[in-house]
Every structure is written in C-alpha cells, then in structure tokens.
C-alpha atoms as a PDB file:
ATOM      1  CA  MET A   1      18.174  39.371 -11.127  1.00  0.00           C
ATOM      2  CA  ALA A   2      21.972  39.394 -10.337  1.00  0.00           C
ATOM      3  CA  LYS A   3      20.991  39.833  -6.518  1.00  0.00           C
ATOM      4  CA  LYS A   4      18.648  36.899  -6.773  1.00  0.00           C
ATOM      5  CA  MET A   5      21.280  34.734  -8.226  1.00  0.00           C
ATOM      6  CA  LEU A   6      23.827  35.735  -5.612  1.00  0.00           C
ATOM      7  CA  PHE A   7      21.381  35.060  -2.899  1.00  0.00           C
ATOM      8  CA  ALA A   8      20.559  31.582  -4.389  1.00  0.00           C
ATOM      9  CA  GLY A   9      24.222  30.825  -4.551  1.00  0.00           C
ATOM     10  CA  VAL A  10      25.041  31.884  -1.003  1.00  0.00           C
ATOM     11  CA  MET A  11      22.108  29.806   0.216  1.00  0.00           C
ATOM     12  CA  ALA A  12      23.268  26.819  -1.758  1.00  0.00           C
ATOM     13  CA  ILE A  13      26.773  26.988  -0.348  1.00  0.00           C
ATOM     14  CA  SER A  14      25.390  27.556   3.165  1.00  0.00           C
ATOM     15  CA  MET A  15      23.114  24.517   2.851  1.00  0.00           C
ATOM     16  CA  ALA A  16      26.064  22.411   1.564  1.00  0.00           C
ATOM     17  CA  LEU A  17      28.391  23.529   4.189  1.00  0.00           C
ATOM     18  CA  GLY A  18      25.693  22.891   6.850  1.00  0.00           C
ATOM     19  CA  ILE A  19      24.860  19.441   5.638  1.00  0.00           C
ATOM     20  CA  ASN A  20      28.581  18.750   5.473  1.00  0.00           C
ATOM     21  CA  ALA A  21      29.093  19.948   9.003  1.00  0.00           C
ATOM     22  CA  PHE A  22      26.104  17.879  10.215  1.00  0.00           C
ATOM     23  CA  ALA A  23      27.386  14.781   8.353  1.00  0.00           C
ATOM     24  CA  GLN A  24      30.929  14.957   9.786  1.00  0.00           C
ATOM     25  CA  GLY A  25      29.642  14.463  13.319  1.00  0.00           C
ATOM     26  CA  ASN A  26      26.514  12.174  12.550  1.00  0.00           C
ATOM     27  CA  LYS A  27      25.949   8.989  10.977  1.00  0.00           C
ATOM     28  CA  ILE A  28      23.496   8.882   8.086  1.00  0.00           C
ATOM     29  CA  ILE A  29      21.896   5.881   6.314  1.00  0.00           C
ATOM     30  CA  PHE A  30      19.191   5.417   3.796  1.00  0.00           C
ATOM     31  CA  VAL A  31      16.597   2.730   3.333  1.00  0.00           C
ATOM     32  CA  ASP A  32      14.573   1.753   0.326  1.00  0.00           C
ATOM     33  CA  MET A  33      11.143   1.760   1.949  1.00  0.00           C
ATOM     34  CA  ILE A  34       9.414   0.171  -1.154  1.00  0.00           C
ATOM     35  CA  LYS A  35      11.871  -2.674  -1.051  1.00  0.00           C
ATOM     36  CA  VAL A  36      11.568  -3.027   2.591  1.00  0.00           C
ATOM     37  CA  PHE A  37       7.657  -2.934   2.540  1.00  0.00           C
ATOM     38  CA  ASP A  38       7.573  -5.531  -0.572  1.00  0.00           C
ATOM     39  CA  ASN A  39      10.144  -8.008   1.063  1.00  0.00           C
ATOM     40  CA  TYR A  40       8.526  -7.959   4.558  1.00  0.00           C
ATOM     41  CA  GLN A  41       7.054 -11.391   5.187  1.00  0.00           C
ATOM     42  CA  LYS A  42       4.065  -9.709   6.987  1.00  0.00           C
ATOM     43  CA  THR A  43       3.126  -7.776   3.727  1.00  0.00           C
ATOM     44  CA  ILE A  44       3.379 -10.940   1.613  1.00  0.00           C
ATOM     45  CA  ASP A  45       1.172 -12.906   4.114  1.00  0.00           C
ATOM     46  CA  TYR A  46      -1.332  -9.951   4.355  1.00  0.00           C
ATOM     47  CA  ASP A  47      -1.498  -9.776   0.536  1.00  0.00           C
ATOM     48  CA  LYS A  48      -2.173 -13.576   0.218  1.00  0.00           C
ATOM     49  CA  SER A  49      -4.975 -13.318   2.888  1.00  0.00           C
ATOM     50  CA  LEU A  50      -6.563 -10.333   1.199  1.00  0.00           C
ATOM     51  CA  GLN A  51      -6.512 -12.095  -2.205  1.00  0.00           C
ATOM     52  CA  ALA A  52      -8.136 -15.216  -0.655  1.00  0.00           C
ATOM     53  CA  GLU A  53     -10.740 -13.054   1.074  1.00  0.00           C
ATOM     54  CA  LYS A  54     -11.436 -11.239  -2.128  1.00  0.00           C
ATOM     55  CA  ALA A  55     -11.758 -14.446  -4.087  1.00  0.00           C
ATOM     56  CA  SER A  56     -14.220 -15.897  -1.734  1.00  0.00           C
ATOM     57  CA  LYS A  57     -16.336 -12.784  -1.515  1.00  0.00           C
ATOM     58  CA  LYS A  58     -16.148 -12.660  -5.296  1.00  0.00           C
ATOM     59  CA  LYS A  59     -17.719 -16.135  -5.682  1.00  0.00           C
ATOM     60  CA  ALA A  60     -20.955 -14.840  -3.879  1.00  0.00           C
ATOM     61  CA  LEU A  61     -20.970 -11.932  -6.251  1.00  0.00           C
ATOM     62  CA  ASP A  62     -20.298 -14.331  -9.214  1.00  0.00           C
ATOM     63  CA  LYS A  63     -23.751 -16.272  -8.262  1.00  0.00           C
ATOM     64  CA  LYS A  64     -25.588 -12.849  -8.306  1.00  0.00           C
ATOM     65  CA  LYS A  65     -24.183 -11.938 -11.610  1.00  0.00           C
ATOM     66  CA  GLU A  66     -25.049 -15.381 -13.040  1.00  0.00           C
ATOM     67  CA  GLU A  67     -28.662 -14.869 -11.872  1.00  0.00           C
ATOM     68  CA  ILE A  68     -28.774 -11.440 -13.586  1.00  0.00           C
ATOM     69  CA  GLU A  69     -27.478 -12.967 -16.822  1.00  0.00           C
ATOM     70  CA  LYS A  70     -30.070 -15.762 -16.583  1.00  0.00           C
ATOM     71  CA  LEU A  71     -32.846 -13.238 -15.911  1.00  0.00           C
ATOM     72  CA  LYS A  72     -31.660 -11.048 -18.963  1.00  0.00           C
ATOM     73  CA  ASN A  73     -32.080 -14.283 -21.172  1.00  0.00           C
ATOM     74  CA  GLU A  74     -35.521 -14.953 -19.802  1.00  0.00           C
ATOM     75  CA  ILE A  75     -36.617 -11.302 -20.557  1.00  0.00           C
ATOM     76  CA  LYS A  76     -35.540 -11.907 -24.154  1.00  0.00           C
ATOM     77  CA  LEU A  77     -37.801 -14.911 -24.388  1.00  0.00           C
ATOM     78  CA  ILE A  78     -40.854 -13.198 -22.843  1.00  0.00           C
ATOM     79  CA  SER A  79     -43.417 -12.115 -25.618  1.00  0.00           C
ATOM     80  CA  LYS A  80     -45.955 -10.553 -23.248  1.00  0.00           C
ATOM     81  CA  ALA A  81     -45.220  -6.849 -22.404  1.00  0.00           C
ATOM     82  CA  SER A  82     -46.616  -6.956 -18.992  1.00  0.00           C
ATOM     83  CA  ASP A  83     -44.733 -10.079 -18.098  1.00  0.00           C
ATOM     84  CA  ARG A  84     -41.480  -8.493 -19.505  1.00  0.00           C
ATOM     85  CA  LYS A  85     -41.984  -5.258 -17.537  1.00  0.00           C
ATOM     86  CA  SER A  86     -42.092  -7.091 -14.283  1.00  0.00           C
ATOM     87  CA  LYS A  87     -39.235  -9.105 -15.119  1.00  0.00           C
ATOM     88  CA  LYS A  88     -37.351  -5.948 -16.062  1.00  0.00           C
ATOM     89  CA  ALA A  89     -38.135  -4.388 -12.708  1.00  0.00           C
ATOM     90  CA  GLU A  90     -36.746  -7.505 -10.912  1.00  0.00           C
ATOM     91  CA  LEU A  91     -33.659  -7.244 -13.191  1.00  0.00           C
ATOM     92  CA  SER A  92     -33.170  -3.679 -12.288  1.00  0.00           C
ATOM     93  CA  LYS A  93     -33.476  -4.548  -8.590  1.00  0.00           C
ATOM     94  CA  LYS A  94     -31.017  -7.363  -8.757  1.00  0.00           C
ATOM     95  CA  LEU A  95     -28.611  -5.097 -10.610  1.00  0.00           C
ATOM     96  CA  ASP A  96     -28.893  -2.502  -8.039  1.00  0.00           C
ATOM     97  CA  ASP A  97     -28.187  -5.012  -5.359  1.00  0.00           C
ATOM     98  CA  TYR A  98     -25.210  -6.487  -7.339  1.00  0.00           C
ATOM     99  CA  ASN A  99     -23.692  -2.915  -7.862  1.00  0.00           C
ATOM    100  CA  ALA A 100     -24.235  -2.117  -4.042  1.00  0.00           C
ATOM    101  CA  SER A 101     -22.618  -5.415  -3.020  1.00  0.00           C
ATOM    102  CA  LEU A 102     -19.748  -5.002  -5.330  1.00  0.00           C
ATOM    103  CA  ARG A 103     -19.181  -1.402  -4.129  1.00  0.00           C
ATOM    104  CA  ASN A 104     -19.346  -2.492  -0.499  1.00  0.00           C
ATOM    105  CA  LEU A 105     -16.921  -5.332  -1.322  1.00  0.00           C
ATOM    106  CA  LEU A 106     -14.433  -3.063  -2.784  1.00  0.00           C
ATOM    107  CA  VAL A 107     -14.716  -0.464   0.039  1.00  0.00           C
ATOM    108  CA  ASP A 108     -14.355  -3.058   2.813  1.00  0.00           C
ATOM    109  CA  LEU A 109     -11.344  -4.457   1.111  1.00  0.00           C
ATOM    110  CA  GLN A 110      -9.754  -1.091   0.710  1.00  0.00           C
ATOM    111  CA  LYS A 111     -10.374  -0.392   4.428  1.00  0.00           C
ATOM    112  CA  GLU A 112      -8.988  -3.691   5.361  1.00  0.00           C
ATOM    113  CA  ARG A 113      -5.895  -3.118   3.214  1.00  0.00           C
ATOM    114  CA  ASP A 114      -5.368   0.444   4.700  1.00  0.00           C
ATOM    115  CA  GLU A 115      -5.533  -0.930   8.251  1.00  0.00           C
ATOM    116  CA  ARG A 116      -3.047  -3.758   7.418  1.00  0.00           C
ATOM    117  CA  MET A 117      -0.687  -1.201   5.716  1.00  0.00           C
ATOM    118  CA  LYS A 118      -0.687   1.029   8.696  1.00  0.00           C
ATOM    119  CA  ASP A 119       0.213  -1.791  10.802  1.00  0.00           C
ATOM    120  CA  ILE A 120       3.003  -2.734   8.376  1.00  0.00           C
ATOM    121  CA  LEU A 121       4.273   0.736   8.328  1.00  0.00           C
ATOM    122  CA  LYS A 122       4.265   0.821  12.206  1.00  0.00           C
ATOM    123  CA  ASP A 123       6.467  -2.283  12.261  1.00  0.00           C
ATOM    124  CA  ILE A 124       8.831  -0.858   9.765  1.00  0.00           C
ATOM    125  CA  LYS A 125       9.202   2.480  11.516  1.00  0.00           C
ATOM    126  CA  ALA A 126       9.735   0.673  14.764  1.00  0.00           C
ATOM    127  CA  VAL A 127      12.535  -1.556  13.530  1.00  0.00           C
ATOM    128  CA  ILE A 128      14.269   1.302  11.656  1.00  0.00           C
ATOM    129  CA  LYS A 129      14.068   3.396  14.861  1.00  0.00           C
ATOM    130  CA  ASN A 130      15.500   0.615  16.982  1.00  0.00           C
ATOM    131  CA  TYR A 131      18.233   0.078  14.411  1.00  0.00           C
ATOM    132  CA  ALA A 132      19.211   3.763  14.515  1.00  0.00           C
ATOM    133  CA  LYS A 133      19.272   3.821  18.186  1.00  0.00           C
ATOM    134  CA  LYS A 134      21.368   0.592  18.453  1.00  0.00           C
ATOM    135  CA  ASN A 135      23.880   1.903  15.666  1.00  0.00           C
ATOM    136  CA  ASN A 136      23.929   5.541  16.879  1.00  0.00           C
ATOM    137  CA  ILE A 137      22.378   6.722  13.672  1.00  0.00           C
ATOM    138  CA  SER A 138      21.519  10.393  13.569  1.00  0.00           C
ATOM    139  CA  LEU A 139      19.501  10.401  10.397  1.00  0.00           C
ATOM    140  CA  VAL A 140      17.641   7.761   8.312  1.00  0.00           C
ATOM    141  CA  LEU A 141      16.642   8.870   4.762  1.00  0.00           C
ATOM    142  CA  ALA A 142      14.230   7.218   2.367  1.00  0.00           C
ATOM    143  CA  ARG A 143      16.169   5.937  -0.736  1.00  0.00           C
ATOM    144  CA  ASN A 144      13.767   7.792  -3.113  1.00  0.00           C
ATOM    145  CA  ALA A 145      14.532  11.144  -1.408  1.00  0.00           C
ATOM    146  CA  ILE A 146      18.143  11.071  -2.291  1.00  0.00           C
ATOM    147  CA  ALA A 147      19.866  11.372  -5.693  1.00  0.00           C
ATOM    148  CA  PHE A 148      23.015   9.544  -4.623  1.00  0.00           C
ATOM    149  CA  GLY A 149      24.185   7.724  -1.628  1.00  0.00           C
ATOM    150  CA  ASP A 150      27.247   5.414  -1.037  1.00  0.00           C
ATOM    151  CA  LYS A 151      26.116   1.660  -0.971  1.00  0.00           C
ATOM    152  CA  SER A 152      27.730   1.273   2.338  1.00  0.00           C
ATOM    153  CA  MET A 153      24.942   3.688   3.680  1.00  0.00           C
ATOM    154  CA  ASP A 154      22.214   1.498   2.320  1.00  0.00           C
ATOM    155  CA  LYS A 155      20.947  -0.596   5.121  1.00  0.00           C
ATOM    156  CA  THR A 156      17.796  -1.864   3.426  1.00  0.00           C
ATOM    157  CA  SER A 157      18.738  -5.552   3.674  1.00  0.00           C
ATOM    158  CA  GLU A 158      19.491  -5.364   7.218  1.00  0.00           C
ATOM    159  CA  ILE A 159      16.266  -3.717   8.046  1.00  0.00           C
ATOM    160  CA  ILE A 160      14.399  -6.518   6.029  1.00  0.00           C
ATOM    161  CA  LYS A 161      16.344  -9.265   7.823  1.00  0.00           C
ATOM    162  CA  MET A 162      15.493  -7.610  11.282  1.00  0.00           C
ATOM    163  CA  LEU A 163      11.645  -7.239  10.198  1.00  0.00           C
ATOM    164  CA  ASN A 164      11.416 -10.719   9.059  1.00  0.00           C
ATOM    165  CA  SER A 165      13.101 -12.301  12.011  1.00  0.00           C
ATOM    166  CA  SER A 166      11.081 -10.078  14.305  1.00  0.00           C
ATOM    167  CA  TYR A 167       7.755 -11.103  12.480  1.00  0.00           C
ATOM    168  CA  LYS A 168       8.824 -14.892  12.735  1.00  0.00           C
ATOM    169  CA  ARG A 169       9.213 -14.666  16.472  1.00  0.00           C
ATOM    170  CA  LYS A 170       5.868 -12.909  16.960  1.00  0.00           C
ATOM    171  CA  LYS A 171       4.175 -15.514  14.652  1.00  0.00           C
ATOM    172  CA  LYS A 172       5.305 -18.432  16.859  1.00  0.00           C
END
C-alpha cells in the first residue's frame, strides 16, 4: 500500500513538473465551448429555422390529430356494432398513420439538427485553430475540462466575436 502511495505521489509530482515545463515555453488558453456555441449567430439562426420548420410540420400533424379526435367522437355516437367496428378500424389506421408521421417528423428534425450542429462545430474549430495559429498558442483547452484558469487565459469572447464577424461576411 505504501509503495502504491509513493508511486502515485511521484507520478503526480512528475506530471505537475512536466505540465509546468510545458507551460513555461508555450502559450495556453481556454475557451468556454458551450458559451461560444450558444452565442454564435449561426446557432441562433439555425435554432430559429428549425423551430419554424417544426411548427409548420406540426400544423399538418395537428390536422391529423383533429381528424382522429373527430372520429373518436363519431364512434361514441354509433349504436350499431358493425358500423362501430369499421369506424374503429379506420381510427386504428389513422392513429398508426399519425404515430408514424410523428416519429418521422422527430427523426427528420433530429437528423437536420445533427447536420447543422456538425456544421457549427466545424466553424468553431476552424476559428479556434486560426486564432491559435495567429497568436502562437500551443494548447487550447475547453473551459469545462479545467478546474481553474486565470481570466486572462479565457479567450471565449474573442472567439465569439471572430465567429460572428466571419458568419456575417459569409452571409452577405
């Protein structure tokens, strides 16, 4: 047990010295990726367009749902068992169609969102890489991966400004 503790202590000291030696000759910054992502205008625009797309597709689904509710009410009023049975079969078919349409809508929206997120992350990584090259940065860390970092090392707002200005130029 004592050997394990000694080994762990030696490893911790070695790592600390190694990181310190690395840090002395290299520039390190960190970026709050979540903040960058949320404040990137392209993310905001994509979210708005996805919400609009979802709303328009939901309208079509709402019409199907209304038809289902109407059919349910009709079934309640039917007294003849044979007529009720055929209406229930029709209801079952409409419910299956509605559920399939809802499932397809959700899957399509998720695929679209995933594609857009990949595009956004690609932009963010490119800007961070460009910033690092221009400023001779050796290591860029994600804010959530570190316990403490001096505020002077946080370049989140600079990255957001660069992203948004680049996006505005591309948009024009």
